[in-house]
């Protein structure tokens, strides 16, 4: 088994931080805002909205 290098530790830390922020965003309802904006953009491009 290889020893953990500083680069590996940094990558693992960033991965955990990203997952934490993703969970926090879902908990706060940020996905709803992004989904509504995506729908609005699609409808404007098609010409329905």
PDB file of N, CA and C in Angstrom:
ATOM      1  N   UNK A   1       0.835  -1.176   0.000  1.00  0.00           N
ATOM      2  CA  UNK A   1       0.000   0.000   0.000  1.00  0.00           C
ATOM      3  C   UNK A   1       0.884   1.245   0.000  1.00  0.00           C
ATOM      4  N   UNK A   2       0.561   2.193  -0.853  1.00  0.00           N
ATOM      5  CA  UNK A   2       1.364   3.408  -0.987  1.00  0.00           C
ATOM      6  C   UNK A   2       1.077   4.353   0.184  1.00  0.00           C
ATOM      7  N   UNK A   3       2.081   5.094   0.614  1.00  0.00           N
ATOM      8  CA  UNK A   3       1.836   6.107   1.641  1.00  0.00           C
ATOM      9  C   UNK A   3       1.072   7.284   1.032  1.00  0.00           C
ATOM     10  N   UNK A   4       0.296   7.943   1.845  1.00  0.00           N
ATOM     11  CA  UNK A   4      -0.473   9.101   1.372  1.00  0.00           C
ATOM     12  C   UNK A   4       0.463  10.275   1.146  1.00  0.00           C
ATOM     13  N   UNK A   5       0.426  10.800  -0.047  1.00  0.00           N
ATOM     14  CA  UNK A   5       1.218  11.972  -0.349  1.00  0.00           C
ATOM     15  C   UNK A   5       0.385  13.218  -0.071  1.00  0.00           C
ATOM     16  N   UNK A   6       1.049  14.359  -0.088  1.00  0.00           N
ATOM     17  CA  UNK A   6       0.339  15.615   0.162  1.00  0.00           C
ATOM     18  C   UNK A   6      -0.701  15.865  -0.920  1.00  0.00           C
ATOM     19  N   UNK A   7      -0.375  15.476  -2.154  1.00  0.00           N
ATOM     20  CA  UNK A   7      -1.309  15.666  -3.266  1.00  0.00           C
ATOM     21  C   UNK A   7      -2.551  14.792  -3.065  1.00  0.00           C
ATOM     22  N   UNK A   8      -2.369  13.552  -2.615  1.00  0.00           N
ATOM     23  CA  UNK A   8      -3.513  12.673  -2.371  1.00  0.00           C
ATOM     24  C   UNK A   8      -4.386  13.201  -1.246  1.00  0.00           C
ATOM     25  N   UNK A   9      -3.756  13.698  -0.193  1.00  0.00           N
ATOM     26  CA  UNK A   9      -4.523  14.245   0.931  1.00  0.00           C
ATOM     27  C   UNK A   9      -5.330  15.459   0.493  1.00  0.00           C
ATOM     28  N   UNK A  10      -4.741  16.292  -0.348  1.00  0.00           N
ATOM     29  CA  UNK A  10      -5.450  17.473  -0.844  1.00  0.00           C
ATOM     30  C   UNK A  10      -6.637  17.066  -1.707  1.00  0.00           C
ATOM     31  N   UNK A  11      -6.452  16.080  -2.563  1.00  0.00           N
ATOM     32  CA  UNK A  11      -7.536  15.616  -3.428  1.00  0.00           C
ATOM     33  C   UNK A  11      -8.679  15.027  -2.601  1.00  0.00           C
ATOM     34  N   UNK A  12      -8.345  14.257  -1.587  1.00  0.00           N
ATOM     35  CA  UNK A  12      -9.376  13.662  -0.728  1.00  0.00           C
ATOM     36  C   UNK A  12     -10.118  14.754   0.033  1.00  0.00           C
ATOM     37  N   UNK A  13      -9.373  15.746   0.536  1.00  0.00           N
ATOM     38  CA  UNK A  13     -10.001  16.853   1.251  1.00  0.00           C
ATOM     39  C   UNK A  13     -10.967  17.614   0.345  1.00  0.00           C
ATOM     40  N   UNK A  14     -10.556  17.904  -0.892  1.00  0.00           N
ATOM     41  CA  UNK A  14     -11.425  18.631  -1.822  1.00  0.00           C
ATOM     42  C   UNK A  14     -12.652  17.817  -2.208  1.00  0.00           C
ATOM     43  N   UNK A  15     -12.476  16.512  -2.340  1.00  0.00           N
ATOM     44  CA  UNK A  15     -13.609  15.641  -2.646  1.00  0.00           C
ATOM     45  C   UNK A  15     -14.635  15.663  -1.510  1.00  0.00           C
ATOM     46  N   UNK A  16     -14.159  15.545  -0.285  1.00  0.00           N
ATOM     47  CA  UNK A  16     -15.059  15.570   0.875  1.00  0.00           C
ATOM     48  C   UNK A  16     -15.732  16.928   0.996  1.00  0.00           C
ATOM     49  N   UNK A  17     -14.977  18.004   0.759  1.00  0.00           N
ATOM     50  CA  UNK A  17     -15.543  19.352   0.824  1.00  0.00           C
ATOM     51  C   UNK A  17     -16.616  19.542  -0.245  1.00  0.00           C
ATOM     52  N   UNK A  18     -16.371  19.041  -1.451  1.00  0.00           N
ATOM     53  CA  UNK A  18     -17.359  19.151  -2.521  1.00  0.00           C
ATOM     54  C   UNK A  18     -18.639  18.399  -2.209  1.00  0.00           C
ATOM     55  N   UNK A  19     -18.498  17.199  -1.659  1.00  0.00           N
ATOM     56  CA  UNK A  19     -19.672  16.413  -1.277  1.00  0.00           C
ATOM     57  C   UNK A  19     -20.449  17.119  -0.174  1.00  0.00           C
ATOM     58  N   UNK A  20     -19.727  17.703   0.782  1.00  0.00           N
ATOM     59  CA  UNK A  20     -20.375  18.436   1.865  1.00  0.00           C
ATOM     60  C   UNK A  20     -21.177  19.621   1.333  1.00  0.00           C
ATOM     61  N   UNK A  21     -20.573  20.386   0.404  1.00  0.00           N
ATOM     62  CA  UNK A  21     -21.285  21.528  -0.176  1.00  0.00           C
ATOM     63  C   UNK A  21     -22.488  21.085  -1.009  1.00  0.00           C
ATOM     64  N   UNK A  22     -22.370  19.961  -1.687  1.00  0.00           N
ATOM     65  CA  UNK A  22     -23.486  19.432  -2.464  1.00  0.00           C
ATOM     66  C   UNK A  22     -24.654  19.075  -1.551  1.00  0.00           C
ATOM     67  N   UNK A  23     -24.367  18.399  -0.461  1.00  0.00           N
ATOM     68  CA  UNK A  23     -25.406  18.027   0.507  1.00  0.00           C
ATOM     69  C   UNK A  23     -26.032  19.279   1.120  1.00  0.00           C
ATOM     70  N   UNK A  24     -25.196  20.253   1.457  1.00  0.00           N
ATOM     71  CA  UNK A  24     -25.702  21.501   2.036  1.00  0.00           C
ATOM     72  C   UNK A  24     -26.617  22.232   1.052  1.00  0.00           C
ATOM     73  N   UNK A  25     -26.253  22.258  -0.220  1.00  0.00           N
ATOM     74  CA  UNK A  25     -27.082  22.917  -1.227  1.00  0.00           C
ATOM     75  C   UNK A  25     -28.426  22.230  -1.415  1.00  0.00           C
ATOM     76  N   UNK A  26     -28.422  20.904  -1.406  1.00  0.00           N
ATOM     77  CA  UNK A  26     -29.681  20.162  -1.520  1.00  0.00           C
ATOM     78  C   UNK A  26     -30.547  20.413  -0.294  1.00  0.00           C
ATOM     79  N   UNK A  27     -29.924  20.441   0.875  1.00  0.00           N
ATOM     80  CA  UNK A  27     -30.664  20.673   2.123  1.00  0.00           C
ATOM     81  C   UNK A  27     -31.322  22.047   2.123  1.00  0.00           C
ATOM     82  N   UNK A  28     -30.652  23.044   1.548  1.00  0.00           N
ATOM     83  CA  UNK A  28     -31.191  24.408   1.529  1.00  0.00           C
ATOM     84  C   UNK A  28     -32.160  24.647   0.376  1.00  0.00           C
ATOM     85  N   UNK A  29     -32.307  23.689  -0.518  1.00  0.00           N
ATOM     86  CA  UNK A  29     -33.267  23.824  -1.614  1.00  0.00           C
ATOM     87  C   UNK A  29     -32.700  24.516  -2.837  1.00  0.00           C
ATOM     88  N   UNK A  30     -31.407  24.573  -2.981  1.00  0.00           N
ATOM     89  CA  UNK A  30     -30.786  25.244  -4.119  1.00  0.00           C
ATOM     90  C   UNK A  30     -31.095  24.572  -5.443  1.00  0.00           C
ATOM     91  N   UNK A  31     -31.383  23.285  -5.413  1.00  0.00           N
ATOM     92  CA  UNK A  31     -31.685  22.573  -6.654  1.00  0.00           C
ATOM     93  C   UNK A  31     -32.966  23.087  -7.279  1.00  0.00           C
ATOM     94  N   UNK A  32     -33.904  23.552  -6.462  1.00  0.00           N
ATOM     95  CA  UNK A  32     -35.169  24.065  -7.007  1.00  0.00           C
ATOM     96  C   UNK A  32     -34.931  25.310  -7.848  1.00  0.00           C
ATOM     97  N   UNK A  33     -34.083  26.205  -7.352  1.00  0.00           N
ATOM     98  CA  UNK A  33     -33.778  27.433  -8.103  1.00  0.00           C
ATOM     99  C   UNK A  33     -33.124  27.103  -9.436  1.00  0.00           C
ATOM    100  N   UNK A  34     -32.149  26.208  -9.422  1.00  0.00           N
ATOM    101  CA  UNK A  34     -31.449  25.843 -10.652  1.00  0.00           C
ATOM    102  C   UNK A  34     -32.398  25.163 -11.633  1.00  0.00           C
ATOM    103  N   UNK A  35     -33.277  24.314 -11.127  1.00  0.00           N
ATOM    104  CA  UNK A  35     -34.231  23.618 -11.988  1.00  0.00           C
ATOM    105  C   UNK A  35     -35.211  24.601 -12.616  1.00  0.00           C
ATOM    106  N   UNK A  36     -35.705  25.560 -11.841  1.00  0.00           N
ATOM    107  CA  UNK A  36     -36.640  26.561 -12.372  1.00  0.00           C
ATOM    108  C   UNK A  36     -35.968  27.432 -13.433  1.00  0.00           C
ATOM    109  N   UNK A  37     -34.716  27.819 -13.208  1.00  0.00           N
ATOM    110  CA  UNK A  37     -34.010  28.628 -14.197  1.00  0.00           C
ATOM    111  C   UNK A  37     -33.775  27.839 -15.480  1.00  0.00           C
ATOM    112  N   UNK A  38     -33.454  26.558 -15.345  1.00  0.00           N
ATOM    113  CA  UNK A  38     -33.232  25.720 -16.526  1.00  0.00           C
ATOM    114  C   UNK A  38     -34.516  25.586 -17.337  1.00  0.00           C
ATOM    115  N   UNK A  39     -35.623  25.402 -16.672  1.00  0.00           N
ATOM    116  CA  UNK A  39     -36.914  25.305 -17.369  1.00  0.00           C
ATOM    117  C   UNK A  39     -37.214  26.609 -18.096  1.00  0.00           C
ATOM    118  N   UNK A  40     -36.974  27.738 -17.418  1.00  0.00           N
ATOM    119  CA  UNK A  40     -37.253  29.040 -18.016  1.00  0.00           C
ATOM    120  C   UNK A  40     -36.402  29.259 -19.267  1.00  0.00           C
ATOM    121  N   UNK A  41     -35.117  28.899 -19.205  1.00  0.00           N
ATOM    122  CA  UNK A  41     -34.236  29.069 -20.355  1.00  0.00           C
ATOM    123  C   UNK A  41     -34.705  28.180 -21.508  1.00  0.00           C
ATOM    124  N   UNK A  42     -35.065  26.942 -21.215  1.00  0.00           N
ATOM    125  CA  UNK A  42     -35.519  26.027 -22.277  1.00  0.00           C
ATOM    126  C   UNK A  42     -36.793  26.552 -22.946  1.00  0.00           C
ATOM    127  N   UNK A  43     -37.720  27.023 -22.142  1.00  0.00           N
ATOM    128  CA  UNK A  43     -38.964  27.510 -22.717  1.00  0.00           C
ATOM    129  C   UNK A  43     -38.742  28.763 -23.549  1.00  0.00           C
ATOM    130  N   UNK A  44     -37.798  29.621 -23.144  1.00  0.00           N
ATOM    131  CA  UNK A  44     -37.509  30.818 -23.934  1.00  0.00           C
ATOM    132  C   UNK A  44     -36.839  30.452 -25.258  1.00  0.00           C
ATOM    133  N   UNK A  45     -35.964  29.442 -25.235  1.00  0.00           N
ATOM    134  CA  UNK A  45     -35.286  29.041 -26.469  1.00  0.00           C
ATOM    135  C   UNK A  45     -36.260  28.434 -27.465  1.00  0.00           C
ATOM    136  N   UNK A  46     -37.216  27.661 -26.972  1.00  0.00           N
ATOM    137  CA  UNK A  46     -38.194  27.027 -27.838  1.00  0.00           C
ATOM    138  C   UNK A  46     -39.197  28.075 -28.337  1.00  0.00           C
ATOM    139  N   UNK A  47     -39.427  29.103 -27.544  1.00  0.00           N
ATOM    140  CA  UNK A  47     -40.346  30.161 -27.921  1.00  0.00           C
ATOM    141  C   UNK A  47     -41.711  30.028 -27.292  1.00  0.00           C
ATOM    142  N   UNK A  48     -41.849  29.131 -26.310  1.00  0.00           N
ATOM    143  CA  UNK A  48     -43.153  28.952 -25.660  1.00  0.00           C
ATOM    144  C   UNK A  48     -43.357  30.011 -24.588  1.00  0.00           C
ATOM    145  N   UNK A  49     -42.281  30.336 -23.840  1.00  0.00           N
ATOM    146  CA  UNK A  49     -42.385  31.246 -22.693  1.00  0.00           C
ATOM    147  C   UNK A  49     -42.219  32.629 -23.105  1.00  0.00           C
TER     148      UNK A  49
END
